[in-house]
Amino acid sequence: MIAIYIHHTTSFISALEIFYAQLPHYHPQKSYIESQLKNIKTGERGESKVFRYLEEVSFKEPPIILRNFIAQVHVRRVIQIDLVIITRRYILLIEVKNIAGHIKFNSVPAQLIRTLPETPPQAFDCPFTQLDRNLNGFSTLFPDLQLPIYTALVWANASATFDFSSQPPHTFMTLKRLPLFVQQLEQLPLVLPDNEVQKLQQKIITKTQFFQEVPFSKRYKIERAELLEGLFCPTCHSALKRFVRTWVCKVCNVKAHELIALNILSQFAIHGPVLSISEIRKQLPEIGADAIRKVLLQAGYAAEGNTNARVYRKKIEG
């Protein structure tokens, strides 16, 4: 059995989809956020493929796998690691890429050059440099680790071909090689007793729990007044319509009552980690205060402040 902790992925993407839908079609940031969504979803699909292959591994004890580990190293530095595997024998940091085409790794300068048919070459940041930064940041956050740390760049797109200008500085593999690689790590000797690795796992999870994402409105420099009011479908981006006692998406032709909660909770990713009900209703005026309060409490948000200045914040599980 594999225990997995997800900092965000599906909920993050759904909130970004709703934020994208709230932007008028003529907004200058619309196409840029659309490209961001495409890249994030491509990466998420790659991580999902990796996780499915990890299920082939015969782990000696159930590991903890942190998906999308994000933590603040110091005030001006944040690290994001696609997958962190924590066992009693080792820690494995995995960077996942899901890019198609012919991939050339240049060492000077450190770049990834992707070439597709009938398309000019496109340069990307070097994922090995990203692994260097992640390894350094992770070691800085947890300086007293007794477990050895391993790193790997896993390529999730089966159609890609590769060209290396020099020996890769980190372990590189395609997706099907991953289970064999991890199975070899499982042969390492035990380092931590069970109770100690559980403490370490919780310490690492807590580090990413306390990290607060920059709200989309601040990240993309978009004011609330620029956004459309109402509820939106994260699949087709059309406005939801009230029909008798429920809500519907007329484009997807489905009942969409369950999307009310998603629209409410997405406001925290869009506008900030602490919101009042009145602030939420500015964006969702058709939803009553009692309905919003019920959704927030069911989703684990805690009320803070007195009646006249009450705000809600997501509770951190200790």
C-alpha atoms as a PDB file:
ATOM      1  CA  MET A   1       0.000   0.000   0.000  1.00  0.00           C
ATOM      2  CA  ILE A   2       1.243   3.509  -0.838  1.00  0.00           C
ATOM      3  CA  ALA A   3       0.240   6.532   1.219  1.00  0.00           C
ATOM      4  CA  ILE A   4       0.107   9.704  -0.857  1.00  0.00           C
ATOM      5  CA  TYR A   5      -0.146  13.303   0.250  1.00  0.00           C
ATOM      6  CA  ILE A   6      -1.080  15.875  -2.393  1.00  0.00           C
ATOM      7  CA  HIS A   7      -0.388  19.554  -1.697  1.00  0.00           C
ATOM      8  CA  HIS A   8      -2.499  20.537  -4.667  1.00  0.00           C
ATOM      9  CA  THR A   9      -3.101  19.254  -8.205  1.00  0.00           C
ATOM     10  CA  THR A  10      -6.744  18.658  -9.082  1.00  0.00           C
ATOM     11  CA  SER A  11      -8.166  21.343  -6.777  1.00  0.00           C
ATOM     12  CA  PHE A  12      -5.449  23.805  -7.819  1.00  0.00           C
ATOM     13  CA  ILE A  13      -6.120  23.181 -11.498  1.00  0.00           C
ATOM     14  CA  SER A  14      -9.902  23.446 -11.029  1.00  0.00           C
ATOM     15  CA  ALA A  15      -9.478  26.781  -9.244  1.00  0.00           C
ATOM     16  CA  LEU A  16      -7.246  28.053 -12.051  1.00  0.00           C
ATOM     17  CA  GLU A  17      -9.841  26.868 -14.598  1.00  0.00           C
ATOM     18  CA  ILE A  18     -12.516  28.889 -12.771  1.00  0.00           C
ATOM     19  CA  PHE A  19     -10.221  31.912 -12.558  1.00  0.00           C
ATOM     20  CA  TYR A  20      -9.623  31.616 -16.298  1.00  0.00           C
ATOM     21  CA  ALA A  21     -13.385  31.407 -16.889  1.00  0.00           C
ATOM     22  CA  GLN A  22     -13.931  34.573 -14.823  1.00  0.00           C
ATOM     23  CA  LEU A  23     -11.708  36.558 -17.179  1.00  0.00           C
ATOM     24  CA  PRO A  24     -13.587  38.235 -20.042  1.00  0.00           C
ATOM     25  CA  HIS A  25     -12.590  36.901 -23.469  1.00  0.00           C
ATOM     26  CA  TYR A  26     -10.987  40.248 -24.377  1.00  0.00           C
ATOM     27  CA  HIS A  27      -8.749  40.389 -21.276  1.00  0.00           C
ATOM     28  CA  PRO A  28      -5.038  40.740 -22.236  1.00  0.00           C
ATOM     29  CA  GLN A  29      -4.007  37.960 -19.799  1.00  0.00           C
ATOM     30  CA  LYS A  30      -6.518  35.421 -21.152  1.00  0.00           C
ATOM     31  CA  SER A  31      -4.231  33.689 -23.661  1.00  0.00           C
ATOM     32  CA  TYR A  32      -1.267  33.630 -21.276  1.00  0.00           C
ATOM     33  CA  ILE A  33      -3.268  31.960 -18.480  1.00  0.00           C
ATOM     34  CA  GLU A  34      -4.633  29.493 -21.045  1.00  0.00           C
ATOM     35  CA  SER A  35      -1.058  28.486 -21.900  1.00  0.00           C
ATOM     36  CA  GLN A  36      -0.245  28.197 -18.188  1.00  0.00           C
ATOM     37  CA  LEU A  37      -3.220  25.885 -17.711  1.00  0.00           C
ATOM     38  CA  LYS A  38      -2.115  23.719 -20.619  1.00  0.00           C
ATOM     39  CA  ASN A  39       1.409  23.359 -19.222  1.00  0.00           C
ATOM     40  CA  ILE A  40       0.189  22.579 -15.692  1.00  0.00           C
ATOM     41  CA  LYS A  41      -2.246  19.929 -16.917  1.00  0.00           C
ATOM     42  CA  THR A  42       0.434  18.334 -19.100  1.00  0.00           C
ATOM     43  CA  GLY A  43       2.734  18.144 -16.087  1.00  0.00           C
ATOM     44  CA  GLU A  44      -0.028  16.746 -13.890  1.00  0.00           C
ATOM     45  CA  ARG A  45      -0.739  13.992 -16.414  1.00  0.00           C
ATOM     46  CA  GLY A  46       2.948  13.099 -16.378  1.00  0.00           C
ATOM     47  CA  GLU A  47       2.992  12.904 -12.566  1.00  0.00           C
ATOM     48  CA  SER A  48      -0.093  10.680 -12.627  1.00  0.00           C
ATOM     49  CA  LYS A  49       1.686   8.291 -15.034  1.00  0.00           C
ATOM     50  CA  VAL A  50       4.695   8.169 -12.704  1.00  0.00           C
ATOM     51  CA  PHE A  51       2.515   7.352  -9.727  1.00  0.00           C
ATOM     52  CA  ARG A  52       0.859   4.483 -11.623  1.00  0.00           C
ATOM     53  CA  TYR A  53       4.289   2.999 -12.355  1.00  0.00           C
ATOM     54  CA  LEU A  54       5.311   3.389  -8.719  1.00  0.00           C
ATOM     55  CA  GLU A  55       2.423   1.077  -7.852  1.00  0.00           C
ATOM     56  CA  GLU A  56       4.432  -1.733  -9.534  1.00  0.00           C
ATOM     57  CA  VAL A  57       7.147  -1.472  -6.875  1.00  0.00           C
ATOM     58  CA  SER A  58       7.143  -4.045  -4.061  1.00  0.00           C
ATOM     59  CA  PHE A  59       7.937  -1.664  -1.219  1.00  0.00           C
ATOM     60  CA  LYS A  60       9.194  -3.428   1.910  1.00  0.00           C
ATOM     61  CA  GLU A  61       7.129  -1.030   4.033  1.00  0.00           C
ATOM     62  CA  PRO A  62       4.426   1.419   2.871  1.00  0.00           C
ATOM     63  CA  PRO A  63       6.167   4.653   1.822  1.00  0.00           C
ATOM     64  CA  ILE A  64       4.832   8.180   2.001  1.00  0.00           C
ATOM     65  CA  ILE A  65       4.769   9.871  -1.402  1.00  0.00           C
ATOM     66  CA  LEU A  66       4.372  13.642  -1.416  1.00  0.00           C
ATOM     67  CA  ARG A  67       3.034  14.894  -4.699  1.00  0.00           C
ATOM     68  CA  ASN A  68       3.867  18.513  -5.504  1.00  0.00           C
ATOM     69  CA  PHE A  69       5.955  19.303  -2.433  1.00  0.00           C
ATOM     70  CA  ILE A  70       6.195  23.095  -2.120  1.00  0.00           C
ATOM     71  CA  ALA A  71       8.014  24.797   0.741  1.00  0.00           C
ATOM     72  CA  GLN A  72       9.646  28.121   1.536  1.00  0.00           C
ATOM     73  CA  VAL A  73      13.387  27.804   2.158  1.00  0.00           C
ATOM     74  CA  HIS A  74      13.671  31.458   3.171  1.00  0.00           C
ATOM     75  CA  VAL A  75      11.812  34.695   2.502  1.00  0.00           C
ATOM     76  CA  ARG A  76      12.931  34.904  -1.145  1.00  0.00           C
ATOM     77  CA  ARG A  77      13.244  31.249  -2.059  1.00  0.00           C
ATOM     78  CA  VAL A  78      10.609  28.582  -2.679  1.00  0.00           C
ATOM     79  CA  ILE A  79      11.215  25.048  -3.950  1.00  0.00           C
ATOM     80  CA  GLN A  80       8.714  22.827  -5.765  1.00  0.00           C
ATOM     81  CA  ILE A  81       9.395  19.096  -6.124  1.00  0.00           C
ATOM     82  CA  ASP A  82       7.083  16.961  -8.240  1.00  0.00           C
ATOM     83  CA  LEU A  83       7.362  13.811  -6.085  1.00  0.00           C
ATOM     84  CA  VAL A  84       9.112  13.038  -2.804  1.00  0.00           C
ATOM     85  CA  ILE A  85       9.266   9.399  -1.672  1.00  0.00           C
ATOM     86  CA  ILE A  86      10.086   8.857   2.018  1.00  0.00           C
ATOM     87  CA  THR A  87      10.924   5.395   3.359  1.00  0.00           C
ATOM     88  CA  ARG A  88      12.948   3.986   6.259  1.00  0.00           C
ATOM     89  CA  ARG A  89      15.856   3.398   3.847  1.00  0.00           C
ATOM     90  CA  TYR A  90      16.079   6.495   1.634  1.00  0.00           C
ATOM     91  CA  ILE A  91      14.432   9.656   0.323  1.00  0.00           C
ATOM     92  CA  LEU A  92      13.933  10.024  -3.435  1.00  0.00           C
ATOM     93  CA  LEU A  93      13.309  13.402  -5.100  1.00  0.00           C
ATOM     94  CA  ILE A  94      11.752  13.076  -8.557  1.00  0.00           C
ATOM     95  CA  GLU A  95      11.456  15.730 -11.249  1.00  0.00           C
ATOM     96  CA  VAL A  96       8.894  14.749 -13.921  1.00  0.00           C
ATOM     97  CA  LYS A  97       8.835  15.998 -17.513  1.00  0.00           C
ATOM     98  CA  ASN A  98       6.069  15.152 -19.968  1.00  0.00           C
ATOM     99  CA  ILE A  99       7.360  16.898 -23.094  1.00  0.00           C
ATOM    100  CA  ALA A 100       7.175  15.408 -26.585  1.00  0.00           C
ATOM    101  CA  GLY A 101       9.656  15.849 -29.425  1.00  0.00           C
ATOM    102  CA  HIS A 102      13.420  15.510 -29.826  1.00  0.00           C
ATOM    103  CA  ILE A 103      15.052  16.648 -26.590  1.00  0.00           C
ATOM    104  CA  LYS A 104      18.635  17.886 -26.523  1.00  0.00           C
ATOM    105  CA  PHE A 105      20.337  18.589 -23.192  1.00  0.00           C
ATOM    106  CA  ASN A 106      22.988  21.295 -23.396  1.00  0.00           C
ATOM    107  CA  SER A 107      25.452  21.685 -20.530  1.00  0.00           C
ATOM    108  CA  VAL A 108      26.832  25.135 -21.502  1.00  0.00           C
ATOM    109  CA  PRO A 109      24.560  26.954 -21.127  1.00  0.00           C
ATOM    110  CA  ALA A 110      22.421  24.528 -19.122  1.00  0.00           C
ATOM    111  CA  GLN A 111      19.315  24.266 -21.295  1.00  0.00           C
ATOM    112  CA  LEU A 112      16.826  21.818 -22.712  1.00  0.00           C
ATOM    113  CA  ILE A 113      16.144  22.310 -26.431  1.00  0.00           C
ATOM    114  CA  ARG A 114      12.949  20.734 -27.772  1.00  0.00           C
ATOM    115  CA  THR A 115      12.418  20.265 -31.505  1.00  0.00           C
ATOM    116  CA  LEU A 116       9.131  19.248 -33.106  1.00  0.00           C
ATOM    117  CA  PRO A 117       8.511  18.608 -36.825  1.00  0.00           C
ATOM    118  CA  GLU A 118       8.062  21.836 -38.799  1.00  0.00           C
ATOM    119  CA  THR A 119       8.528  23.912 -35.623  1.00  0.00           C
ATOM    120  CA  PRO A 120      11.513  26.089 -34.615  1.00  0.00           C
ATOM    121  CA  PRO A 121      13.560  24.715 -31.674  1.00  0.00           C
ATOM    122  CA  GLN A 122      12.277  25.813 -28.297  1.00  0.00           C
ATOM    123  CA  ALA A 123      14.488  26.351 -25.227  1.00  0.00           C
ATOM    124  CA  PHE A 124      13.459  25.391 -21.681  1.00  0.00           C
ATOM    125  CA  ASP A 125      15.154  25.666 -18.301  1.00  0.00           C
ATOM    126  CA  CYS A 126      17.369  22.678 -17.608  1.00  0.00           C
ATOM    127  CA  PRO A 127      15.549  20.133 -15.386  1.00  0.00           C
ATOM    128  CA  PHE A 128      18.894  18.965 -13.982  1.00  0.00           C
ATOM    129  CA  THR A 129      19.483  22.495 -12.685  1.00  0.00           C
ATOM    130  CA  GLN A 130      16.016  22.321 -11.130  1.00  0.00           C
ATOM    131  CA  LEU A 131      17.030  19.079  -9.407  1.00  0.00           C
ATOM    132  CA  ASP A 132      20.234  20.737  -8.136  1.00  0.00           C
ATOM    133  CA  ARG A 133      18.175  23.560  -6.644  1.00  0.00           C
ATOM    134  CA  ASN A 134      15.602  21.188  -5.164  1.00  0.00           C
ATOM    135  CA  LEU A 135      18.231  18.948  -3.588  1.00  0.00           C
ATOM    136  CA  ASN A 136      20.009  21.956  -2.089  1.00  0.00           C
ATOM    137  CA  GLY A 137      16.750  23.482  -0.819  1.00  0.00           C
ATOM    138  CA  PHE A 138      15.462  20.211   0.632  1.00  0.00           C
ATOM    139  CA  SER A 139      18.781  19.616   2.430  1.00  0.00           C
ATOM    140  CA  THR A 140      18.647  23.185   3.787  1.00  0.00           C
ATOM    141  CA  LEU A 141      15.116  22.673   5.121  1.00  0.00           C
ATOM    142  CA  PHE A 142      16.033  19.363   6.782  1.00  0.00           C
ATOM    143  CA  PRO A 143      19.742  19.596   7.704  1.00  0.00           C
ATOM    144  CA  ASP A 144      19.725  16.711  10.202  1.00  0.00           C
ATOM    145  CA  LEU A 145      18.446  13.985   7.896  1.00  0.00           C
ATOM    146  CA  GLN A 146      19.909  10.560   8.582  1.00  0.00           C
ATOM    147  CA  LEU A 147      18.464   9.086   5.382  1.00  0.00           C
ATOM    148  CA  PRO A 148      20.427   9.185   2.105  1.00  0.00           C
ATOM    149  CA  ILE A 149      18.798  11.373  -0.564  1.00  0.00           C
ATOM    150  CA  TYR A 150      18.610  10.221  -4.194  1.00  0.00           C
ATOM    151  CA  THR A 151      17.412  12.202  -7.201  1.00  0.00           C
ATOM    152  CA  ALA A 152      15.944  11.272 -10.570  1.00  0.00           C
ATOM    153  CA  LEU A 153      14.630  12.963 -13.689  1.00  0.00           C
ATOM    154  CA  VAL A 154      11.790  10.825 -15.078  1.00  0.00           C
ATOM    155  CA  TRP A 155      10.541  11.406 -18.641  1.00  0.00           C
ATOM    156  CA  ALA A 156       6.842  10.550 -18.860  1.00  0.00           C
ATOM    157  CA  ASN A 157       6.312  11.123 -22.599  1.00  0.00           C
ATOM    158  CA  ALA A 158       7.021   7.851 -24.418  1.00  0.00           C
ATOM    159  CA  SER A 159       7.362   9.507 -27.850  1.00  0.00           C
ATOM    160  CA  ALA A 160      10.330  11.722 -26.909  1.00  0.00           C
ATOM    161  CA  THR A 161      13.867  11.071 -28.166  1.00  0.00           C
ATOM    162  CA  PHE A 162      17.026  12.332 -26.433  1.00  0.00           C
ATOM    163  CA  ASP A 163      20.471  13.743 -27.115  1.00  0.00           C
ATOM    164  CA  PHE A 164      22.951  14.454 -24.287  1.00  0.00           C
ATOM    165  CA  SER A 165      25.976  16.690 -24.782  1.00  0.00           C
ATOM    166  CA  SER A 166      27.562  15.243 -21.616  1.00  0.00           C
ATOM    167  CA  GLN A 167      26.921  12.728 -18.826  1.00  0.00           C
ATOM    168  CA  PRO A 168      23.722  13.673 -16.951  1.00  0.00           C
ATOM    169  CA  PRO A 169      24.475  15.037 -13.448  1.00  0.00           C
ATOM    170  CA  HIS A 170      21.441  13.201 -12.012  1.00  0.00           C
ATOM    171  CA  THR A 171      19.868   9.839 -12.724  1.00  0.00           C
ATOM    172  CA  PHE A 172      17.794  10.053 -15.907  1.00  0.00           C
ATOM    173  CA  MET A 173      15.233   7.472 -16.993  1.00  0.00           C
ATOM    174  CA  THR A 174      12.135   6.935 -19.053  1.00  0.00           C
ATOM    175  CA  LEU A 175       8.924   5.957 -17.315  1.00  0.00           C
ATOM    176  CA  LYS A 176       9.177   2.177 -17.649  1.00  0.00           C
ATOM    177  CA  ARG A 177      12.597   2.128 -16.008  1.00  0.00           C
ATOM    178  CA  LEU A 178      11.326   3.794 -12.822  1.00  0.00           C
ATOM    179  CA  PRO A 179       9.936   0.703 -11.005  1.00  0.00           C
ATOM    180  CA  LEU A 180      13.259  -1.153 -11.493  1.00  0.00           C
ATOM    181  CA  PHE A 181      15.230   1.836 -10.192  1.00  0.00           C
ATOM    182  CA  VAL A 182      13.084   2.189  -7.065  1.00  0.00           C
ATOM    183  CA  GLN A 183      13.148  -1.583  -6.517  1.00  0.00           C
ATOM    184  CA  GLN A 184      16.949  -1.369  -6.348  1.00  0.00           C
ATOM    185  CA  LEU A 185      16.710   1.378  -3.715  1.00  0.00           C
ATOM    186  CA  GLU A 186      14.477  -0.931  -1.689  1.00  0.00           C
ATOM    187  CA  GLN A 187      17.507  -3.192  -1.203  1.00  0.00           C
ATOM    188  CA  LEU A 188      19.299  -0.507   0.818  1.00  0.00           C
ATOM    189  CA  PRO A 189      19.753  -1.214   4.536  1.00  0.00           C
ATOM    190  CA  LEU A 190      17.297   0.079   7.115  1.00  0.00           C
ATOM    191  CA  VAL A 191      18.315   3.439   8.570  1.00  0.00           C
ATOM    192  CA  LEU A 192      15.408   4.689  10.668  1.00  0.00           C
ATOM    193  CA  PRO A 193      13.122   2.791  13.051  1.00  0.00           C
ATOM    194  CA  ASP A 194       9.423   2.950  12.235  1.00  0.00           C
ATOM    195  CA  ASN A 195       8.544   5.598  14.830  1.00  0.00           C
ATOM    196  CA  GLU A 196      11.378   7.880  13.683  1.00  0.00           C
ATOM    197  CA  VAL A 197      10.420   7.768  10.010  1.00  0.00           C
ATOM    198  CA  GLN A 198       6.822   8.597  10.922  1.00  0.00           C
ATOM    199  CA  LYS A 199       8.028  11.702  12.782  1.00  0.00           C
ATOM    200  CA  LEU A 200      10.134  12.676   9.783  1.00  0.00           C
ATOM    201  CA  GLN A 201       7.264  12.147   7.354  1.00  0.00           C
ATOM    202  CA  GLN A 202       4.985  14.370   9.441  1.00  0.00           C
ATOM    203  CA  LYS A 203       7.688  17.031   9.722  1.00  0.00           C
ATOM    204  CA  ILE A 204       8.092  17.128   5.942  1.00  0.00           C
ATOM    205  CA  ILE A 205       4.327  17.142   5.322  1.00  0.00           C
ATOM    206  CA  THR A 206       3.877  19.999   7.793  1.00  0.00           C
ATOM    207  CA  LYS A 207       6.493  22.043   5.922  1.00  0.00           C
ATOM    208  CA  THR A 208       4.421  21.972   2.739  1.00  0.00           C
ATOM    209  CA  GLN A 209       1.090  22.390   4.589  1.00  0.00           C
ATOM    210  CA  PHE A 210       2.185  25.744   5.965  1.00  0.00           C
ATOM    211  CA  PHE A 211       3.223  27.061   2.566  1.00  0.00           C
ATOM    212  CA  GLN A 212       0.670  29.478   1.101  1.00  0.00           C
ATOM    213  CA  GLU A 213       0.416  29.793  -2.657  1.00  0.00           C
ATOM    214  CA  VAL A 214       0.427  33.307  -4.094  1.00  0.00           C
ATOM    215  CA  PRO A 215      -3.229  34.022  -5.022  1.00  0.00           C
ATOM    216  CA  PHE A 216      -3.905  33.982  -8.761  1.00  0.00           C
ATOM    217  CA  SER A 217      -5.124  37.591  -8.728  1.00  0.00           C
ATOM    218  CA  LYS A 218      -1.805  38.745  -7.244  1.00  0.00           C
ATOM    219  CA  ARG A 219       0.342  36.392  -9.343  1.00  0.00           C
ATOM    220  CA  TYR A 220      -1.190  37.627 -12.593  1.00  0.00           C
ATOM    221  CA  LYS A 221      -1.800  41.204 -11.366  1.00  0.00           C
ATOM    222  CA  ILE A 222      -5.540  41.147 -12.006  1.00  0.00           C
ATOM    223  CA  GLU A 223      -7.971  43.198  -9.903  1.00  0.00           C
ATOM    224  CA  ARG A 224     -11.244  41.750  -8.633  1.00  0.00           C
ATOM    225  CA  ALA A 225     -13.178  44.328 -10.679  1.00  0.00           C
ATOM    226  CA  GLU A 226     -11.736  42.827 -13.879  1.00  0.00           C
ATOM    227  CA  LEU A 227     -13.342  39.424 -13.184  1.00  0.00           C
ATOM    228  CA  LEU A 228     -16.830  38.342 -14.168  1.00  0.00           C
ATOM    229  CA  GLU A 229     -19.302  37.569 -11.384  1.00  0.00           C
ATOM    230  CA  GLY A 230     -21.100  34.241 -11.122  1.00  0.00           C
ATOM    231  CA  LEU A 231     -20.441  30.507 -11.059  1.00  0.00           C
ATOM    232  CA  PHE A 232     -18.474  28.818 -13.837  1.00  0.00           C
ATOM    233  CA  CYS A 233     -17.853  25.315 -15.130  1.00  0.00           C
ATOM    234  CA  PRO A 234     -14.172  24.290 -14.821  1.00  0.00           C
ATOM    235  CA  THR A 235     -14.544  21.939 -17.807  1.00  0.00           C
ATOM    236  CA  CYS A 236     -15.949  24.205 -20.533  1.00  0.00           C
ATOM    237  CA  HIS A 237     -15.560  27.610 -18.780  1.00  0.00           C
ATOM    238  CA  SER A 238     -19.172  28.609 -19.420  1.00  0.00           C
ATOM    239  CA  ALA A 239     -21.366  30.301 -16.807  1.00  0.00           C
ATOM    240  CA  LEU A 240     -23.578  27.980 -14.766  1.00  0.00           C
ATOM    241  CA  LYS A 241     -27.323  28.693 -14.827  1.00  0.00           C
ATOM    242  CA  ARG A 242     -29.875  28.160 -12.098  1.00  0.00           C
ATOM    243  CA  PHE A 243     -32.605  25.743 -13.135  1.00  0.00           C
ATOM    244  CA  VAL A 244     -35.472  25.145 -10.683  1.00  0.00           C
ATOM    245  CA  ARG A 245     -33.667  23.869  -7.526  1.00  0.00           C
ATOM    246  CA  THR A 246     -30.298  23.081  -9.000  1.00  0.00           C
ATOM    247  CA  TRP A 247     -27.615  24.501 -11.254  1.00  0.00           C
ATOM    248  CA  VAL A 248     -26.755  23.304 -14.733  1.00  0.00           C
ATOM    249  CA  CYS A 249     -23.997  23.703 -17.276  1.00  0.00           C
ATOM    250  CA  LYS A 250     -25.877  24.090 -20.539  1.00  0.00           C
ATOM    251  CA  VAL A 251     -22.753  23.503 -22.641  1.00  0.00           C
ATOM    252  CA  CYS A 252     -21.749  20.250 -20.914  1.00  0.00           C
ATOM    253  CA  ASN A 253     -25.471  19.396 -20.535  1.00  0.00           C
ATOM    254  CA  VAL A 254     -25.067  18.236 -16.928  1.00  0.00           C
ATOM    255  CA  LYS A 255     -26.444  19.128 -13.529  1.00  0.00           C
ATOM    256  CA  ALA A 256     -23.778  21.141 -11.784  1.00  0.00           C
ATOM    257  CA  HIS A 257     -24.985  21.615  -8.211  1.00  0.00           C
ATOM    258  CA  GLU A 258     -21.773  20.055  -6.839  1.00  0.00           C
ATOM    259  CA  LEU A 259     -19.778  22.786  -8.620  1.00  0.00           C
ATOM    260  CA  ILE A 260     -21.152  25.393  -6.199  1.00  0.00           C
ATOM    261  CA  ALA A 261     -18.735  24.214  -3.508  1.00  0.00           C
ATOM    262  CA  LEU A 262     -15.847  24.175  -5.981  1.00  0.00           C
ATOM    263  CA  ASN A 263     -16.592  27.758  -7.028  1.00  0.00           C
ATOM    264  CA  ILE A 264     -16.769  28.866  -3.389  1.00  0.00           C
ATOM    265  CA  LEU A 265     -13.525  27.185  -2.329  1.00  0.00           C
ATOM    266  CA  SER A 266     -11.713  28.382  -5.457  1.00  0.00           C
ATOM    267  CA  GLN A 267     -12.068  31.967  -4.223  1.00  0.00           C
ATOM    268  CA  PHE A 268      -9.298  31.306  -1.690  1.00  0.00           C
ATOM    269  CA  ALA A 269      -6.861  30.280  -4.428  1.00  0.00           C
ATOM    270  CA  ILE A 270      -7.966  33.272  -6.503  1.00  0.00           C
ATOM    271  CA  HIS A 271      -8.063  36.044  -3.892  1.00  0.00           C
ATOM    272  CA  GLY A 272      -6.169  34.897  -0.793  1.00  0.00           C
ATOM    273  CA  PRO A 273      -6.030  32.386   2.081  1.00  0.00           C
ATOM    274  CA  VAL A 274      -8.267  34.419   4.415  1.00  0.00           C
ATOM    275  CA  LEU A 275     -11.678  35.642   3.183  1.00  0.00           C
ATOM    276  CA  SER A 276     -14.938  36.819   4.664  1.00  0.00           C
ATOM    277  CA  ILE A 277     -18.287  35.595   3.396  1.00  0.00           C
ATOM    278  CA  SER A 278     -19.057  39.083   2.100  1.00  0.00           C
ATOM    279  CA  GLU A 279     -15.852  39.020   0.012  1.00  0.00           C
ATOM    280  CA  ILE A 280     -16.836  35.650  -1.469  1.00  0.00           C
ATOM    281  CA  ARG A 281     -20.334  36.958  -2.257  1.00  0.00           C
ATOM    282  CA  LYS A 282     -18.841  39.850  -4.235  1.00  0.00           C
ATOM    283  CA  GLN A 283     -17.792  37.231  -6.780  1.00  0.00           C
ATOM    284  CA  LEU A 284     -20.732  34.851  -6.224  1.00  0.00           C
ATOM    285  CA  PRO A 285     -23.692  37.141  -5.463  1.00  0.00           C
ATOM    286  CA  GLU A 286     -26.286  34.447  -6.234  1.00  0.00           C
ATOM    287  CA  ILE A 287     -25.098  32.227  -3.372  1.00  0.00           C
ATOM    288  CA  GLY A 288     -26.469  33.042   0.079  1.00  0.00           C
ATOM    289  CA  ALA A 289     -24.299  33.568   3.140  1.00  0.00           C
ATOM    290  CA  ASP A 290     -25.679  30.499   4.936  1.00  0.00           C
ATOM    291  CA  ALA A 291     -24.892  28.233   1.967  1.00  0.00           C
ATOM    292  CA  ILE A 292     -21.345  29.588   1.757  1.00  0.00           C
ATOM    293  CA  ARG A 293     -20.806  29.161   5.498  1.00  0.00           C
ATOM    294  CA  LYS A 294     -21.998  25.553   5.333  1.00  0.00           C
ATOM    295  CA  VAL A 295     -19.583  24.734   2.489  1.00  0.00           C
ATOM    296  CA  LEU A 296     -16.636  26.338   4.315  1.00  0.00           C
ATOM    297  CA  LEU A 297     -17.248  24.470   7.562  1.00  0.00           C
ATOM    298  CA  GLN A 298     -17.701  21.141   5.756  1.00  0.00           C
ATOM    299  CA  ALA A 299     -14.434  21.733   3.864  1.00  0.00           C
ATOM    300  CA  GLY A 300     -12.471  22.305   7.074  1.00  0.00           C
ATOM    301  CA  TYR A 301     -12.301  26.099   7.145  1.00  0.00           C
ATOM    302  CA  ALA A 302     -12.270  27.715  10.582  1.00  0.00           C
ATOM    303  CA  ALA A 303     -13.968  30.992  11.491  1.00  0.00           C
ATOM    304  CA  GLU A 304     -11.807  33.710  13.044  1.00  0.00           C
ATOM    305  CA  GLY A 305     -12.820  37.022  14.612  1.00  0.00           C
ATOM    306  CA  ASN A 306     -16.086  38.371  15.958  1.00  0.00           C
ATOM    307  CA  THR A 307     -19.419  38.462  14.172  1.00  0.00           C
ATOM    308  CA  ASN A 308     -18.827  41.821  12.474  1.00  0.00           C
ATOM    309  CA  ALA A 309     -15.360  40.953  11.193  1.00  0.00           C
ATOM    310  CA  ARG A 310     -15.455  37.182  10.773  1.00  0.00           C
ATOM    311  CA  VAL A 311     -13.143  35.599   8.243  1.00  0.00           C
ATOM    312  CA  TYR A 312     -12.426  31.988   7.248  1.00  0.00           C
ATOM    313  CA  ARG A 313      -9.123  30.186   6.892  1.00  0.00           C
ATOM    314  CA  LYS A 314      -8.261  26.572   6.013  1.00  0.00           C
ATOM    315  CA  LYS A 315      -7.354  24.604   9.140  1.00  0.00           C
ATOM    316  CA  ILE A 316      -3.928  22.969   9.200  1.00  0.00           C
ATOM    317  CA  GLU A 317      -3.992  19.388  10.398  1.00  0.00           C
ATOM    318  CA  GLY A 318      -1.252  18.886  12.958  1.00  0.00           C
END
